[in-house]
Amino acid sequence: MDDIDRRLLEMLRVDGRRSYAELARQVGLSAPAVHDRMGRLERNGVITGYRAEVNPEAVGLGVTALIGIQERTDTEYSVVTDALEQIPEVESCYFLAGEESFLIKVRVGAIGELEQLVNRLNRLPGVARTRTAIALSTKWEARPQPLGTPREE
């Protein structure tokens, strides 16, 4: 990945709807050259997808919670992750170092739905207990971070 690839990624992270022609103008290449670069970044797993950012409240998902999950000591890691992957309310899942094994971000429509979800989570095989924090508001999320420095290969 060179400096041009990094500039393309920075621009797309801010506005993923930019056309190849617009990206090409910004980096001084032709649109076909940018198309080729984008294809290579996708094949190499640098770009993992494209999606629309949707306002959760506008689609009936006004409650956001962060739930820490402590795994039972006799449980395989994959038992919990496989179960969490099947729950559509789970938006993100992080494996942690520390007392809790996982931190998940969930979105639901109402507090009653969150209560039902927490009860379901506590019944999952391998879950010892959960700890829930309800977000009162979202100040920002999914903010594009500056790309790190290139790795030497």
N, C-alpha and C. Protein backbone atom coordinates (compact mmCIF):
# COMPACT_ATOMS: atom_id res chain seq x y z
N MET A 1 0.86 -1.17 0.00
CA MET A 1 0.00 0.00 0.00
C MET A 1 0.91 1.23 0.00
N ASP A 2 0.71 2.10 -0.95
CA ASP A 2 1.53 3.31 -1.06
C ASP A 2 0.75 4.54 -0.61
N ASP A 3 1.36 5.71 -0.76
CA ASP A 3 0.73 6.95 -0.31
C ASP A 3 -0.57 7.24 -1.05
N ILE A 4 -0.64 6.89 -2.33
CA ILE A 4 -1.88 7.13 -3.09
C ILE A 4 -3.00 6.25 -2.54
N ASP A 5 -2.70 4.99 -2.27
CA ASP A 5 -3.72 4.11 -1.68
C ASP A 5 -4.21 4.68 -0.35
N ARG A 6 -3.30 5.17 0.45
CA ARG A 6 -3.66 5.73 1.75
C ARG A 6 -4.55 6.96 1.58
N ARG A 7 -4.24 7.81 0.61
CA ARG A 7 -5.08 8.98 0.35
C ARG A 7 -6.47 8.56 -0.10
N LEU A 8 -6.53 7.55 -0.97
CA LEU A 8 -7.83 7.04 -1.43
C LEU A 8 -8.65 6.53 -0.24
N LEU A 9 -8.01 5.77 0.64
CA LEU A 9 -8.71 5.23 1.80
C LEU A 9 -9.20 6.34 2.71
N GLU A 10 -8.37 7.35 2.95
CA GLU A 10 -8.78 8.48 3.79
C GLU A 10 -10.02 9.16 3.21
N MET A 11 -10.02 9.39 1.90
CA MET A 11 -11.17 10.06 1.27
C MET A 11 -12.43 9.19 1.36
N LEU A 12 -12.29 7.90 1.13
CA LEU A 12 -13.45 7.01 1.18
C LEU A 12 -13.99 6.85 2.59
N ARG A 13 -13.13 6.91 3.59
CA ARG A 13 -13.59 6.78 4.96
C ARG A 13 -14.43 7.98 5.36
N VAL A 14 -14.18 9.13 4.76
CA VAL A 14 -14.97 10.32 5.04
C VAL A 14 -16.25 10.33 4.21
N ASP A 15 -16.13 9.91 2.94
CA ASP A 15 -17.28 9.91 2.03
C ASP A 15 -17.17 8.72 1.09
N GLY A 16 -17.80 7.62 1.47
CA GLY A 16 -17.72 6.38 0.71
C GLY A 16 -18.48 6.41 -0.61
N ARG A 17 -19.18 7.50 -0.90
CA ARG A 17 -19.94 7.59 -2.15
C ARG A 17 -19.18 8.32 -3.25
N ARG A 18 -17.96 8.70 -3.00
CA ARG A 18 -17.19 9.39 -4.04
C ARG A 18 -17.00 8.47 -5.24
N SER A 19 -17.11 9.05 -6.41
CA SER A 19 -16.95 8.27 -7.64
C SER A 19 -15.47 8.05 -7.92
N TYR A 20 -15.18 7.08 -8.77
CA TYR A 20 -13.80 6.85 -9.20
C TYR A 20 -13.24 8.11 -9.86
N ALA A 21 -14.08 8.80 -10.62
CA ALA A 21 -13.62 10.02 -11.31
C ALA A 21 -13.22 11.09 -10.29
N GLU A 22 -14.02 11.26 -9.24
CA GLU A 22 -13.70 12.25 -8.21
C GLU A 22 -12.43 11.85 -7.45
N LEU A 23 -12.34 10.59 -7.08
CA LEU A 23 -11.14 10.12 -6.39
C LEU A 23 -9.91 10.32 -7.28
N ALA A 24 -10.06 10.00 -8.56
CA ALA A 24 -8.94 10.13 -9.50
C ALA A 24 -8.46 11.57 -9.58
N ARG A 25 -9.41 12.51 -9.65
CA ARG A 25 -9.05 13.93 -9.70
C ARG A 25 -8.25 14.33 -8.45
N GLN A 26 -8.66 13.83 -7.32
CA GLN A 26 -8.01 14.20 -6.06
C GLN A 26 -6.59 13.66 -5.93
N VAL A 27 -6.32 12.50 -6.53
CA VAL A 27 -4.98 11.90 -6.40
C VAL A 27 -4.14 12.00 -7.66
N GLY A 28 -4.71 12.58 -8.72
CA GLY A 28 -3.94 12.78 -9.94
C GLY A 28 -3.75 11.54 -10.79
N LEU A 29 -4.71 10.63 -10.76
CA LEU A 29 -4.68 9.43 -11.60
C LEU A 29 -5.91 9.40 -12.49
N SER A 30 -5.96 8.42 -13.39
CA SER A 30 -7.16 8.22 -14.21
C SER A 30 -8.17 7.40 -13.40
N ALA A 31 -9.42 7.50 -13.79
CA ALA A 31 -10.47 6.73 -13.12
C ALA A 31 -10.21 5.22 -13.23
N PRO A 32 -9.79 4.70 -14.41
CA PRO A 32 -9.48 3.26 -14.47
C PRO A 32 -8.33 2.85 -13.53
N ALA A 33 -7.35 3.72 -13.37
CA ALA A 33 -6.25 3.40 -12.45
C ALA A 33 -6.75 3.33 -11.01
N VAL A 34 -7.64 4.24 -10.65
CA VAL A 34 -8.22 4.21 -9.31
C VAL A 34 -9.08 2.97 -9.14
N HIS A 35 -9.85 2.63 -10.16
CA HIS A 35 -10.67 1.41 -10.12
C HIS A 35 -9.79 0.19 -9.86
N ASP A 36 -8.66 0.10 -10.55
CA ASP A 36 -7.74 -1.03 -10.35
C ASP A 36 -7.19 -1.05 -8.92
N ARG A 37 -6.83 0.11 -8.42
CA ARG A 37 -6.31 0.19 -7.05
C ARG A 37 -7.37 -0.24 -6.04
N MET A 38 -8.60 0.21 -6.25
CA MET A 38 -9.67 -0.15 -5.33
C MET A 38 -9.90 -1.66 -5.34
N GLY A 39 -9.89 -2.24 -6.53
CA GLY A 39 -10.04 -3.68 -6.64
C GLY A 39 -8.95 -4.43 -5.89
N ARG A 40 -7.71 -3.95 -6.00
CA ARG A 40 -6.60 -4.58 -5.30
C ARG A 40 -6.76 -4.44 -3.78
N LEU A 41 -7.19 -3.27 -3.32
CA LEU A 41 -7.40 -3.07 -1.89
C LEU A 41 -8.51 -3.99 -1.37
N GLU A 42 -9.54 -4.21 -2.16
CA GLU A 42 -10.61 -5.13 -1.78
C GLU A 42 -10.10 -6.57 -1.73
N ARG A 43 -9.39 -7.00 -2.78
CA ARG A 43 -8.87 -8.37 -2.83
C ARG A 43 -7.90 -8.66 -1.69
N ASN A 44 -7.12 -7.65 -1.30
CA ASN A 44 -6.14 -7.83 -0.23
C ASN A 44 -6.73 -7.69 1.16
N GLY A 45 -8.04 -7.44 1.25
CA GLY A 45 -8.71 -7.37 2.54
C GLY A 45 -8.53 -6.05 3.27
N VAL A 46 -8.00 -5.03 2.59
CA VAL A 46 -7.87 -3.72 3.22
C VAL A 46 -9.24 -3.07 3.29
N ILE A 47 -9.98 -3.08 2.19
CA ILE A 47 -11.37 -2.63 2.17
C ILE A 47 -12.23 -3.87 2.37
N THR A 48 -13.01 -3.86 3.44
CA THR A 48 -13.79 -5.06 3.77
C THR A 48 -15.26 -4.94 3.44
N GLY A 49 -15.72 -3.75 3.03
CA GLY A 49 -17.12 -3.62 2.67
C GLY A 49 -17.52 -2.17 2.50
N TYR A 50 -18.73 -1.99 2.02
CA TYR A 50 -19.32 -0.67 1.83
C TYR A 50 -20.71 -0.73 2.42
N ARG A 51 -21.11 0.31 3.14
CA ARG A 51 -22.43 0.28 3.75
C ARG A 51 -22.95 1.69 3.98
N ALA A 52 -24.24 1.77 4.12
CA ALA A 52 -24.86 3.05 4.44
C ALA A 52 -24.89 3.21 5.95
N GLU A 53 -24.59 4.39 6.44
CA GLU A 53 -24.74 4.68 7.86
C GLU A 53 -26.17 5.16 8.08
N VAL A 54 -26.88 4.49 8.98
CA VAL A 54 -28.29 4.76 9.21
C VAL A 54 -28.46 5.27 10.64
N ASN A 55 -29.31 6.27 10.79
CA ASN A 55 -29.64 6.78 12.12
C ASN A 55 -30.48 5.73 12.84
N PRO A 56 -29.95 5.11 13.91
CA PRO A 56 -30.68 4.03 14.58
C PRO A 56 -32.07 4.45 15.06
N GLU A 57 -32.19 5.66 15.58
CA GLU A 57 -33.51 6.11 16.07
C GLU A 57 -34.53 6.19 14.95
N ALA A 58 -34.06 6.56 13.75
CA ALA A 58 -34.97 6.70 12.61
C ALA A 58 -35.55 5.35 12.17
N VAL A 59 -34.88 4.25 12.55
CA VAL A 59 -35.37 2.93 12.17
C VAL A 59 -35.84 2.13 13.40
N GLY A 60 -36.16 2.86 14.48
CA GLY A 60 -36.76 2.21 15.64
C GLY A 60 -35.79 1.54 16.59
N LEU A 61 -34.51 1.92 16.55
CA LEU A 61 -33.52 1.32 17.45
C LEU A 61 -32.93 2.40 18.35
N GLY A 62 -33.76 2.98 19.18
CA GLY A 62 -33.38 4.14 19.98
C GLY A 62 -32.62 3.84 21.26
N VAL A 63 -32.46 2.57 21.64
CA VAL A 63 -31.75 2.24 22.87
C VAL A 63 -30.45 1.52 22.50
N THR A 64 -29.34 2.11 22.95
CA THR A 64 -28.02 1.51 22.75
C THR A 64 -27.46 1.13 24.11
N ALA A 65 -26.89 -0.06 24.19
CA ALA A 65 -26.29 -0.50 25.45
C ALA A 65 -24.97 -1.20 25.16
N LEU A 66 -24.07 -1.09 26.11
CA LEU A 66 -22.81 -1.82 26.10
C LEU A 66 -22.91 -2.88 27.18
N ILE A 67 -22.65 -4.11 26.80
CA ILE A 67 -22.83 -5.22 27.74
C ILE A 67 -21.52 -5.99 27.83
N GLY A 68 -20.99 -6.04 29.05
CA GLY A 68 -19.82 -6.86 29.31
C GLY A 68 -20.27 -8.26 29.65
N ILE A 69 -19.57 -9.24 29.11
CA ILE A 69 -19.93 -10.64 29.34
C ILE A 69 -18.75 -11.36 29.96
N GLN A 70 -18.98 -11.94 31.13
CA GLN A 70 -17.96 -12.77 31.74
C GLN A 70 -18.25 -14.21 31.36
N GLU A 71 -17.26 -14.84 30.82
CA GLU A 71 -17.38 -16.22 30.34
C GLU A 71 -17.11 -17.18 31.50
N ARG A 72 -17.82 -18.31 31.50
CA ARG A 72 -17.53 -19.35 32.50
C ARG A 72 -16.14 -19.92 32.23
N THR A 73 -15.44 -20.31 33.25
CA THR A 73 -14.06 -20.78 33.10
C THR A 73 -13.97 -22.10 32.34
N ASP A 74 -15.02 -22.88 32.32
CA ASP A 74 -14.98 -24.18 31.64
C ASP A 74 -15.50 -24.10 30.21
N THR A 75 -15.54 -22.91 29.63
CA THR A 75 -16.15 -22.71 28.31
C THR A 75 -15.12 -22.40 27.26
N GLU A 76 -15.30 -22.97 26.10
CA GLU A 76 -14.48 -22.63 24.94
C GLU A 76 -14.92 -21.27 24.40
N TYR A 77 -13.96 -20.48 24.01
CA TYR A 77 -14.19 -19.14 23.45
C TYR A 77 -15.26 -19.15 22.37
N SER A 78 -15.18 -20.10 21.46
CA SER A 78 -16.07 -20.12 20.29
C SER A 78 -17.52 -20.41 20.66
N VAL A 79 -17.78 -21.04 21.78
CA VAL A 79 -19.16 -21.32 22.18
C VAL A 79 -19.92 -20.01 22.35
N VAL A 80 -19.30 -19.06 23.03
CA VAL A 80 -19.96 -17.77 23.27
C VAL A 80 -20.00 -16.95 21.99
N THR A 81 -18.89 -16.87 21.26
CA THR A 81 -18.89 -16.04 20.05
C THR A 81 -19.87 -16.57 19.01
N ASP A 82 -19.95 -17.88 18.88
CA ASP A 82 -20.92 -18.45 17.92
C ASP A 82 -22.35 -18.09 18.31
N ALA A 83 -22.65 -18.14 19.60
CA ALA A 83 -24.00 -17.80 20.06
C ALA A 83 -24.28 -16.31 19.86
N LEU A 84 -23.30 -15.45 20.18
CA LEU A 84 -23.49 -14.00 20.01
C LEU A 84 -23.69 -13.63 18.55
N GLU A 85 -23.02 -14.33 17.68
CA GLU A 85 -23.13 -14.03 16.24
C GLU A 85 -24.55 -14.26 15.71
N GLN A 86 -25.31 -15.10 16.39
CA GLN A 86 -26.68 -15.41 15.97
C GLN A 86 -27.72 -14.41 16.48
N ILE A 87 -27.29 -13.46 17.31
CA ILE A 87 -28.23 -12.51 17.91
C ILE A 87 -28.20 -11.21 17.10
N PRO A 88 -29.27 -10.90 16.38
CA PRO A 88 -29.25 -9.74 15.48
C PRO A 88 -29.08 -8.40 16.18
N GLU A 89 -29.45 -8.31 17.45
CA GLU A 89 -29.32 -7.04 18.17
C GLU A 89 -27.87 -6.67 18.47
N VAL A 90 -26.96 -7.65 18.39
CA VAL A 90 -25.54 -7.40 18.68
C VAL A 90 -24.90 -6.76 17.45
N GLU A 91 -24.50 -5.50 17.63
CA GLU A 91 -23.90 -4.75 16.52
C GLU A 91 -22.39 -4.93 16.46
N SER A 92 -21.74 -5.00 17.61
CA SER A 92 -20.28 -5.15 17.68
C SER A 92 -19.94 -6.08 18.82
N CYS A 93 -18.83 -6.80 18.65
CA CYS A 93 -18.37 -7.71 19.70
C CYS A 93 -16.85 -7.62 19.77
N TYR A 94 -16.36 -7.38 20.98
CA TYR A 94 -14.93 -7.25 21.22
C TYR A 94 -14.49 -8.29 22.24
N PHE A 95 -13.40 -8.99 21.96
CA PHE A 95 -12.80 -9.92 22.92
C PHE A 95 -11.84 -9.11 23.78
N LEU A 96 -11.94 -9.26 25.10
CA LEU A 96 -11.20 -8.40 26.02
C LEU A 96 -10.17 -9.15 26.84
N ALA A 97 -9.17 -8.41 27.29
CA ALA A 97 -8.29 -8.88 28.34
C ALA A 97 -8.87 -8.30 29.63
N GLY A 98 -8.91 -9.09 30.66
CA GLY A 98 -9.46 -8.60 31.92
C GLY A 98 -10.53 -9.53 32.46
N GLU A 99 -11.30 -9.04 33.41
CA GLU A 99 -12.30 -9.86 34.07
C GLU A 99 -13.42 -10.29 33.11
N GLU A 100 -13.86 -9.36 32.27
CA GLU A 100 -14.89 -9.71 31.30
C GLU A 100 -14.23 -10.20 30.02
N SER A 101 -14.84 -11.20 29.42
CA SER A 101 -14.29 -11.79 28.20
C SER A 101 -14.69 -11.04 26.95
N PHE A 102 -15.90 -10.48 26.95
CA PHE A 102 -16.42 -9.81 25.77
C PHE A 102 -17.10 -8.51 26.16
N LEU A 103 -17.08 -7.56 25.23
CA LEU A 103 -17.88 -6.35 25.34
C LEU A 103 -18.66 -6.27 24.04
N ILE A 104 -19.99 -6.20 24.16
CA ILE A 104 -20.82 -6.11 22.96
C ILE A 104 -21.61 -4.80 22.99
N LYS A 105 -21.86 -4.29 21.80
CA LYS A 105 -22.75 -3.13 21.65
C LYS A 105 -24.03 -3.65 21.03
N VAL A 106 -25.14 -3.32 21.66
CA VAL A 106 -26.44 -3.78 21.16
C VAL A 106 -27.34 -2.59 20.94
N ARG A 107 -28.29 -2.77 20.03
CA ARG A 107 -29.32 -1.75 19.78
C ARG A 107 -30.67 -2.43 19.76
N VAL A 108 -31.60 -1.82 20.49
CA VAL A 108 -32.98 -2.31 20.54
C VAL A 108 -33.93 -1.12 20.51
N GLY A 109 -35.21 -1.40 20.40
CA GLY A 109 -36.20 -0.34 20.29
C GLY A 109 -36.65 0.26 21.61
N ALA A 110 -36.59 -0.54 22.69
CA ALA A 110 -37.12 -0.06 23.97
C ALA A 110 -36.42 -0.78 25.11
N ILE A 111 -36.53 -0.20 26.30
CA ILE A 111 -35.88 -0.78 27.48
C ILE A 111 -36.40 -2.20 27.76
N GLY A 112 -37.68 -2.44 27.54
CA GLY A 112 -38.22 -3.78 27.73
C GLY A 112 -37.53 -4.80 26.82
N GLU A 113 -37.22 -4.40 25.60
CA GLU A 113 -36.51 -5.30 24.69
C GLU A 113 -35.09 -5.55 25.19
N LEU A 114 -34.47 -4.54 25.77
CA LEU A 114 -33.13 -4.71 26.33
C LEU A 114 -33.17 -5.70 27.49
N GLU A 115 -34.18 -5.57 28.32
CA GLU A 115 -34.32 -6.51 29.44
C GLU A 115 -34.43 -7.95 28.93
N GLN A 116 -35.25 -8.16 27.91
CA GLN A 116 -35.39 -9.51 27.34
C GLN A 116 -34.08 -10.00 26.75
N LEU A 117 -33.35 -9.10 26.09
CA LEU A 117 -32.07 -9.48 25.49
C LEU A 117 -31.06 -9.86 26.56
N VAL A 118 -30.98 -9.08 27.64
CA VAL A 118 -30.05 -9.40 28.72
C VAL A 118 -30.40 -10.75 29.33
N ASN A 119 -31.68 -11.03 29.50
CA ASN A 119 -32.09 -12.34 30.02
C ASN A 119 -31.66 -13.46 29.07
N ARG A 120 -31.81 -13.25 27.76
CA ARG A 120 -31.35 -14.25 26.77
C ARG A 120 -29.85 -14.44 26.85
N LEU A 121 -29.11 -13.34 26.96
CA LEU A 121 -27.65 -13.43 27.03
C LEU A 121 -27.21 -14.23 28.26
N ASN A 122 -27.86 -13.99 29.38
CA ASN A 122 -27.49 -14.70 30.61
C ASN A 122 -27.78 -16.19 30.55
N ARG A 123 -28.65 -16.61 29.64
CA ARG A 123 -28.97 -18.03 29.48
C ARG A 123 -28.09 -18.72 28.43
N LEU A 124 -27.25 -17.96 27.74
CA LEU A 124 -26.40 -18.57 26.71
C LEU A 124 -25.41 -19.54 27.34
N PRO A 125 -25.13 -20.64 26.65
CA PRO A 125 -24.10 -21.56 27.16
C PRO A 125 -22.76 -20.83 27.28
N GLY A 126 -22.12 -21.00 28.40
CA GLY A 126 -20.80 -20.41 28.60
C GLY A 126 -20.79 -19.03 29.23
N VAL A 127 -21.96 -18.41 29.41
CA VAL A 127 -22.01 -17.07 30.00
C VAL A 127 -22.19 -17.20 31.51
N ALA A 128 -21.24 -16.63 32.26
CA ALA A 128 -21.34 -16.65 33.73
C ALA A 128 -22.22 -15.50 34.21
N ARG A 129 -21.97 -14.29 33.66
CA ARG A 129 -22.80 -13.13 34.03
C ARG A 129 -22.55 -12.00 33.05
N THR A 130 -23.43 -11.01 33.14
CA THR A 130 -23.33 -9.83 32.28
C THR A 130 -23.36 -8.57 33.13
N ARG A 131 -22.88 -7.49 32.55
CA ARG A 131 -22.94 -6.16 33.16
C ARG A 131 -23.35 -5.21 32.05
N THR A 132 -24.41 -4.44 32.26
CA THR A 132 -24.99 -3.61 31.21
C THR A 132 -24.88 -2.13 31.56
N ALA A 133 -24.47 -1.35 30.57
CA ALA A 133 -24.48 0.12 30.67
C ALA A 133 -25.32 0.64 29.52
N ILE A 134 -26.32 1.45 29.84
CA ILE A 134 -27.21 2.01 28.83
C ILE A 134 -26.69 3.38 28.42
N ALA A 135 -26.55 3.60 27.12
CA ALA A 135 -26.11 4.91 26.62
C ALA A 135 -27.26 5.89 26.70
N LEU A 136 -27.04 7.02 27.34
CA LEU A 136 -28.06 8.05 27.42
C LEU A 136 -28.17 8.81 26.10
N SER A 137 -27.05 9.00 25.44
CA SER A 137 -27.03 9.62 24.12
C SER A 137 -25.72 9.24 23.44
N THR A 138 -25.67 9.45 22.15
CA THR A 138 -24.46 9.18 21.38
C THR A 138 -23.91 10.51 20.91
N LYS A 139 -22.74 10.85 21.37
CA LYS A 139 -22.12 12.10 20.95
C LYS A 139 -21.46 11.94 19.58
N TRP A 140 -20.83 10.80 19.34
CA TRP A 140 -20.34 10.40 18.01
C TRP A 140 -19.98 8.93 18.08
N GLU A 141 -19.91 8.31 16.92
CA GLU A 141 -19.42 6.95 16.80
C GLU A 141 -18.96 6.72 15.38
N ALA A 142 -18.17 5.70 15.21
CA ALA A 142 -17.64 5.33 13.88
C ALA A 142 -16.88 6.48 13.24
N ARG A 143 -16.21 7.28 14.05
CA ARG A 143 -15.43 8.39 13.54
C ARG A 143 -14.18 7.83 12.86
N PRO A 144 -13.94 8.17 11.61
CA PRO A 144 -12.73 7.67 10.94
C PRO A 144 -11.47 8.16 11.65
N GLN A 145 -10.63 7.25 11.99
CA GLN A 145 -9.35 7.56 12.61
C GLN A 145 -8.29 7.76 11.54
N PRO A 146 -7.26 8.56 11.83
CA PRO A 146 -6.16 8.65 10.87
C PRO A 146 -5.54 7.27 10.69
N LEU A 147 -5.18 6.95 9.47
CA LEU A 147 -4.56 5.66 9.21
C LEU A 147 -3.19 5.62 9.86
N GLY A 148 -2.82 4.46 10.39
CA GLY A 148 -1.51 4.29 11.02
C GLY A 148 -0.40 4.34 9.98
N THR A 149 0.78 4.31 10.46
CA THR A 149 1.93 4.34 9.55
C THR A 149 2.06 2.99 8.86
N PRO A 150 2.55 2.99 7.64
CA PRO A 150 2.67 1.73 6.90
C PRO A 150 3.65 0.79 7.59
N ARG A 151 3.33 -0.50 7.53
CA ARG A 151 4.23 -1.52 8.09
C ARG A 151 5.33 -1.81 7.08
N GLU A 152 6.50 -2.06 7.59
CA GLU A 152 7.61 -2.46 6.73
C GLU A 152 7.42 -3.93 6.37
N GLU A 153 7.63 -4.26 5.12
CA GLU A 153 7.47 -5.66 4.71
C GLU A 153 8.75 -6.21 4.18
